[in-house]
N, C-alpha and C. Protein backbone atom coordinates (compact mmCIF):
# COMPACT_ATOMS: atom_id res chain seq x y z
N MET A 1 23.37 -6.01 -46.01
CA MET A 1 22.81 -6.40 -47.28
C MET A 1 22.21 -5.14 -47.92
N LYS A 2 22.26 -5.09 -49.23
CA LYS A 2 21.69 -3.95 -49.94
C LYS A 2 20.40 -4.39 -50.63
N PHE A 3 19.45 -3.50 -50.63
CA PHE A 3 18.19 -3.71 -51.33
C PHE A 3 18.06 -2.60 -52.36
N TRP A 4 17.99 -2.99 -53.63
CA TRP A 4 17.89 -1.99 -54.68
C TRP A 4 16.44 -1.74 -55.02
N LEU A 5 16.12 -0.47 -55.10
CA LEU A 5 14.78 -0.08 -55.51
C LEU A 5 14.59 -0.42 -56.99
N LYS A 6 13.35 -0.67 -57.34
CA LYS A 6 13.03 -0.93 -58.74
C LYS A 6 13.28 0.34 -59.54
N TYR A 7 13.81 0.18 -60.73
CA TYR A 7 14.13 1.33 -61.56
C TYR A 7 12.89 2.19 -61.76
N GLY A 8 13.03 3.48 -61.54
CA GLY A 8 11.93 4.42 -61.70
C GLY A 8 11.16 4.68 -60.42
N HIS A 9 11.48 3.95 -59.33
CA HIS A 9 10.82 4.16 -58.06
C HIS A 9 11.74 4.90 -57.11
N GLU A 10 11.19 5.84 -56.37
CA GLU A 10 11.98 6.65 -55.45
C GLU A 10 12.02 6.06 -54.05
N TYR A 11 11.04 5.21 -53.70
CA TYR A 11 10.96 4.69 -52.34
C TYR A 11 10.20 3.36 -52.34
N ILE A 12 10.27 2.69 -51.19
CA ILE A 12 9.47 1.50 -50.91
C ILE A 12 8.97 1.66 -49.48
N PHE A 13 7.76 1.22 -49.22
CA PHE A 13 7.22 1.29 -47.87
C PHE A 13 7.87 0.22 -47.00
N LEU A 14 7.96 0.49 -45.71
CA LEU A 14 8.61 -0.42 -44.76
C LEU A 14 7.97 -1.80 -44.76
N ASP A 15 6.64 -1.88 -44.73
CA ASP A 15 5.99 -3.19 -44.71
C ASP A 15 6.22 -3.94 -46.02
N GLN A 16 6.32 -3.23 -47.14
CA GLN A 16 6.58 -3.88 -48.42
C GLN A 16 8.00 -4.43 -48.48
N LEU A 17 8.94 -3.74 -47.83
CA LEU A 17 10.31 -4.23 -47.78
C LEU A 17 10.37 -5.56 -47.03
N PHE A 18 9.69 -5.64 -45.90
CA PHE A 18 9.64 -6.89 -45.13
C PHE A 18 9.12 -8.03 -46.01
N LYS A 19 8.07 -7.76 -46.72
CA LYS A 19 7.45 -8.78 -47.57
C LYS A 19 8.38 -9.16 -48.72
N ALA A 20 9.01 -8.16 -49.35
CA ALA A 20 9.90 -8.42 -50.48
C ALA A 20 11.11 -9.24 -50.09
N LEU A 21 11.62 -9.01 -48.88
CA LEU A 21 12.79 -9.76 -48.41
C LEU A 21 12.43 -11.12 -47.84
N GLY A 22 11.14 -11.37 -47.67
CA GLY A 22 10.72 -12.66 -47.12
C GLY A 22 10.90 -12.75 -45.62
N TRP A 23 11.04 -11.61 -44.95
CA TRP A 23 11.21 -11.61 -43.50
C TRP A 23 9.94 -12.04 -42.79
N SER A 24 8.81 -11.82 -43.42
CA SER A 24 7.53 -12.23 -42.85
C SER A 24 6.54 -12.44 -43.98
N GLU A 25 5.72 -13.47 -43.85
CA GLU A 25 4.72 -13.77 -44.87
C GLU A 25 3.38 -13.12 -44.56
N ASP A 26 3.24 -12.56 -43.39
CA ASP A 26 1.95 -12.07 -42.93
C ASP A 26 2.07 -10.60 -42.53
N TYR A 27 1.24 -9.75 -43.12
CA TYR A 27 1.28 -8.33 -42.79
C TYR A 27 0.93 -8.07 -41.33
N GLN A 28 0.17 -8.94 -40.73
CA GLN A 28 -0.17 -8.78 -39.31
C GLN A 28 1.09 -8.91 -38.45
N ASP A 29 1.93 -9.89 -38.77
CA ASP A 29 3.20 -10.04 -38.05
C ASP A 29 4.10 -8.82 -38.26
N ILE A 30 4.14 -8.34 -39.50
CA ILE A 30 4.96 -7.16 -39.80
C ILE A 30 4.49 -5.97 -38.97
N ARG A 31 3.19 -5.77 -38.94
CA ARG A 31 2.61 -4.66 -38.18
C ARG A 31 2.97 -4.78 -36.70
N ARG A 32 2.91 -6.01 -36.17
CA ARG A 32 3.24 -6.24 -34.75
C ARG A 32 4.70 -5.87 -34.46
N HIS A 33 5.63 -6.30 -35.32
CA HIS A 33 7.05 -5.98 -35.12
C HIS A 33 7.26 -4.47 -35.10
N ILE A 34 6.58 -3.78 -35.99
CA ILE A 34 6.75 -2.33 -36.08
C ILE A 34 6.13 -1.64 -34.87
N GLU A 35 4.95 -2.07 -34.45
CA GLU A 35 4.30 -1.46 -33.28
C GLU A 35 5.10 -1.65 -32.00
N ARG A 36 5.84 -2.74 -31.91
CA ARG A 36 6.67 -3.00 -30.72
C ARG A 36 8.01 -2.28 -30.78
N ALA A 37 8.20 -1.44 -31.78
CA ALA A 37 9.43 -0.67 -31.97
C ALA A 37 10.65 -1.58 -32.13
N GLU A 38 10.47 -2.73 -32.76
CA GLU A 38 11.58 -3.65 -33.01
C GLU A 38 12.37 -3.27 -34.26
N VAL A 39 11.79 -2.41 -35.08
CA VAL A 39 12.41 -2.02 -36.35
C VAL A 39 12.95 -0.60 -36.23
N LYS A 40 14.18 -0.41 -36.67
CA LYS A 40 14.78 0.93 -36.66
C LYS A 40 15.10 1.35 -38.08
N VAL A 41 14.83 2.61 -38.36
CA VAL A 41 15.20 3.20 -39.64
C VAL A 41 16.11 4.38 -39.32
N ASN A 42 17.32 4.32 -39.80
CA ASN A 42 18.33 5.35 -39.52
C ASN A 42 18.48 5.59 -38.02
N ASP A 43 18.58 4.52 -37.25
CA ASP A 43 18.79 4.51 -35.80
C ASP A 43 17.65 5.09 -34.98
N SER A 44 16.48 5.24 -35.57
CA SER A 44 15.29 5.68 -34.85
C SER A 44 14.20 4.63 -35.00
N ALA A 45 13.45 4.40 -33.94
CA ALA A 45 12.38 3.41 -34.00
C ALA A 45 11.35 3.84 -35.04
N ALA A 46 11.00 2.91 -35.92
CA ALA A 46 9.98 3.17 -36.94
C ALA A 46 8.65 2.65 -36.41
N LEU A 47 7.71 3.54 -36.20
CA LEU A 47 6.42 3.15 -35.63
C LEU A 47 5.30 3.17 -36.67
N ASN A 48 5.63 3.52 -37.89
CA ASN A 48 4.65 3.59 -38.97
C ASN A 48 5.03 2.59 -40.06
N ARG A 49 4.15 1.66 -40.34
CA ARG A 49 4.47 0.64 -41.35
C ARG A 49 4.54 1.21 -42.75
N ARG A 50 3.99 2.40 -42.96
CA ARG A 50 4.02 3.04 -44.27
C ARG A 50 5.18 4.04 -44.38
N THR A 51 6.19 3.88 -43.55
CA THR A 51 7.37 4.73 -43.63
C THR A 51 8.00 4.55 -45.01
N GLN A 52 8.27 5.64 -45.67
CA GLN A 52 8.89 5.58 -46.99
C GLN A 52 10.40 5.45 -46.84
N LEU A 53 10.94 4.38 -47.38
CA LEU A 53 12.38 4.14 -47.34
C LEU A 53 12.97 4.59 -48.67
N LYS A 54 13.94 5.49 -48.57
CA LYS A 54 14.55 6.05 -49.77
C LYS A 54 16.02 5.67 -49.83
N GLU A 55 16.64 5.98 -50.92
CA GLU A 55 18.05 5.68 -51.13
C GLU A 55 18.88 6.21 -49.96
N GLY A 56 19.72 5.34 -49.40
CA GLY A 56 20.60 5.73 -48.30
C GLY A 56 20.06 5.39 -46.92
N ASP A 57 18.77 5.06 -46.82
CA ASP A 57 18.21 4.69 -45.52
C ASP A 57 18.74 3.34 -45.07
N ILE A 58 18.87 3.17 -43.76
CA ILE A 58 19.35 1.91 -43.19
C ILE A 58 18.26 1.37 -42.27
N VAL A 59 17.87 0.13 -42.53
CA VAL A 59 16.83 -0.54 -41.75
C VAL A 59 17.49 -1.62 -40.91
N GLN A 60 17.15 -1.65 -39.61
CA GLN A 60 17.69 -2.66 -38.69
C GLN A 60 16.55 -3.42 -38.05
N TRP A 61 16.70 -4.75 -38.00
CA TRP A 61 15.68 -5.58 -37.37
C TRP A 61 16.32 -6.90 -36.96
N HIS A 62 16.29 -7.22 -35.69
CA HIS A 62 16.81 -8.47 -35.14
C HIS A 62 18.22 -8.79 -35.65
N GLY A 63 19.10 -7.80 -35.61
CA GLY A 63 20.48 -8.02 -36.01
C GLY A 63 20.72 -7.98 -37.50
N LYS A 64 19.70 -7.75 -38.30
CA LYS A 64 19.85 -7.66 -39.76
C LYS A 64 19.89 -6.19 -40.14
N HIS A 65 20.76 -5.85 -41.08
CA HIS A 65 20.90 -4.48 -41.54
C HIS A 65 20.68 -4.46 -43.05
N ILE A 66 19.82 -3.57 -43.49
CA ILE A 66 19.54 -3.41 -44.92
C ILE A 66 19.83 -1.96 -45.29
N ILE A 67 20.58 -1.79 -46.35
CA ILE A 67 20.84 -0.45 -46.89
C ILE A 67 20.01 -0.33 -48.16
N ILE A 68 19.20 0.72 -48.23
CA ILE A 68 18.38 0.95 -49.41
C ILE A 68 19.25 1.65 -50.45
N ALA A 69 19.41 1.00 -51.59
CA ALA A 69 20.22 1.56 -52.67
C ALA A 69 19.30 1.97 -53.81
N GLY A 70 19.64 3.06 -54.45
CA GLY A 70 18.83 3.55 -55.57
C GLY A 70 18.99 2.68 -56.79
N ALA A 71 18.02 2.74 -57.66
CA ALA A 71 18.03 1.93 -58.87
C ALA A 71 19.15 2.35 -59.82
N ARG A 72 19.69 3.54 -59.62
CA ARG A 72 20.74 3.98 -60.53
C ARG A 72 22.12 3.45 -60.15
N MET A 73 22.18 2.61 -59.11
CA MET A 73 23.45 2.00 -58.75
C MET A 73 23.91 1.09 -59.90
N VAL A 74 25.12 1.26 -60.35
CA VAL A 74 25.59 0.52 -61.51
C VAL A 74 26.12 -0.85 -61.11
N ARG A 75 26.21 -1.72 -62.09
CA ARG A 75 26.61 -3.10 -61.85
C ARG A 75 27.99 -3.20 -61.20
N GLU A 76 28.93 -2.35 -61.58
CA GLU A 76 30.27 -2.41 -61.01
C GLU A 76 30.24 -2.17 -59.49
N GLU A 77 29.39 -1.23 -59.06
CA GLU A 77 29.26 -0.97 -57.63
C GLU A 77 28.66 -2.18 -56.91
N ALA A 78 27.74 -2.86 -57.56
CA ALA A 78 27.13 -4.04 -56.96
C ALA A 78 28.17 -5.15 -56.82
N LEU A 79 28.99 -5.33 -57.82
CA LEU A 79 30.02 -6.36 -57.75
C LEU A 79 31.05 -6.02 -56.68
N GLN A 80 31.39 -4.74 -56.56
CA GLN A 80 32.33 -4.32 -55.52
C GLN A 80 31.74 -4.57 -54.13
N ALA A 81 30.46 -4.27 -53.95
CA ALA A 81 29.81 -4.50 -52.66
C ALA A 81 29.84 -5.99 -52.32
N ARG A 82 29.58 -6.84 -53.30
CA ARG A 82 29.61 -8.29 -53.07
C ARG A 82 31.01 -8.73 -52.68
N ASP A 83 32.02 -8.19 -53.37
CA ASP A 83 33.40 -8.56 -53.07
C ASP A 83 33.83 -8.10 -51.68
N GLU A 84 33.21 -7.04 -51.17
CA GLU A 84 33.54 -6.55 -49.83
C GLU A 84 32.82 -7.33 -48.73
N GLY A 85 32.06 -8.34 -49.13
CA GLY A 85 31.41 -9.18 -48.14
C GLY A 85 29.95 -8.87 -47.89
N HIS A 86 29.40 -7.88 -48.59
CA HIS A 86 27.98 -7.59 -48.44
C HIS A 86 27.17 -8.61 -49.23
N GLN A 87 26.05 -8.99 -48.66
CA GLN A 87 25.15 -9.85 -49.43
C GLN A 87 24.34 -8.93 -50.33
N VAL A 88 24.42 -9.15 -51.61
CA VAL A 88 23.74 -8.28 -52.56
C VAL A 88 22.46 -8.97 -53.01
N HIS A 89 21.35 -8.33 -52.72
CA HIS A 89 20.04 -8.88 -53.03
C HIS A 89 19.44 -8.02 -54.12
N ASN A 90 19.54 -8.48 -55.36
CA ASN A 90 19.03 -7.59 -56.39
C ASN A 90 18.20 -8.28 -57.46
N ARG A 91 18.55 -9.45 -57.90
CA ARG A 91 17.84 -10.08 -59.01
C ARG A 91 17.58 -9.05 -60.10
N GLY A 92 18.62 -8.33 -60.49
CA GLY A 92 18.45 -7.16 -61.35
C GLY A 92 17.96 -6.06 -60.43
N ALA A 93 16.94 -5.38 -60.84
CA ALA A 93 16.28 -4.45 -59.93
C ALA A 93 15.17 -5.25 -59.25
N ILE A 94 15.02 -5.06 -57.95
CA ILE A 94 14.03 -5.83 -57.20
C ILE A 94 12.64 -5.57 -57.76
N THR A 95 11.95 -6.65 -58.04
CA THR A 95 10.54 -6.53 -58.40
C THR A 95 9.77 -7.31 -57.36
N TRP A 96 8.65 -6.80 -56.98
CA TRP A 96 7.85 -7.44 -55.95
C TRP A 96 6.40 -7.12 -56.22
N THR A 97 5.56 -7.97 -55.72
CA THR A 97 4.13 -7.71 -55.79
C THR A 97 3.56 -7.89 -54.40
N GLU A 98 2.58 -7.09 -54.10
CA GLU A 98 1.96 -7.17 -52.79
C GLU A 98 1.04 -8.38 -52.78
N LYS A 99 1.18 -9.23 -51.77
CA LYS A 99 0.36 -10.44 -51.67
C LYS A 99 -0.78 -10.21 -50.70
N PRO A 100 -1.90 -10.89 -50.92
CA PRO A 100 -3.00 -10.73 -49.99
C PRO A 100 -2.64 -11.29 -48.62
N ILE A 101 -3.25 -10.74 -47.61
CA ILE A 101 -3.02 -11.18 -46.24
C ILE A 101 -3.66 -12.54 -46.04
N LYS A 102 -2.91 -13.44 -45.44
CA LYS A 102 -3.44 -14.77 -45.15
C LYS A 102 -4.30 -14.72 -43.90
N PRO A 103 -5.51 -15.28 -43.95
CA PRO A 103 -6.35 -15.25 -42.76
C PRO A 103 -5.76 -16.16 -41.68
N THR A 104 -5.86 -15.70 -40.45
CA THR A 104 -5.40 -16.51 -39.33
C THR A 104 -6.59 -17.33 -38.81
N GLU A 105 -6.32 -18.24 -37.90
CA GLU A 105 -7.36 -19.13 -37.38
C GLU A 105 -8.52 -18.35 -36.76
N LYS A 106 -8.21 -17.28 -36.02
CA LYS A 106 -9.26 -16.56 -35.32
C LYS A 106 -10.09 -15.67 -36.27
N HIS A 107 -9.57 -15.43 -37.50
CA HIS A 107 -10.29 -14.59 -38.44
C HIS A 107 -11.08 -15.40 -39.47
N LYS A 108 -11.08 -16.70 -39.39
CA LYS A 108 -11.80 -17.53 -40.36
C LYS A 108 -13.27 -17.62 -40.02
């Protein structure tokens, strides 16, 4: 699957990517996955949740692969990627907002 950066942005942080894709609703869970070295960026374990993901980076997690595509990728390339069987996740250029962390039972 490809993830397009928002136009004008050079990178997205690893934890923000997880949140934007809906892989986890809780930053605490995201942090745990990263600390356990379950996430790979360009075939290396990513141990920092603030890893900057740039155009061309490949993120792997539990059998899912995400290719970070730059905002300058044109529509024809997106359609070609979809036709080749890639799931194209763009909604135009991805827009996301950081959500507050939900308190867990032990933190209430």
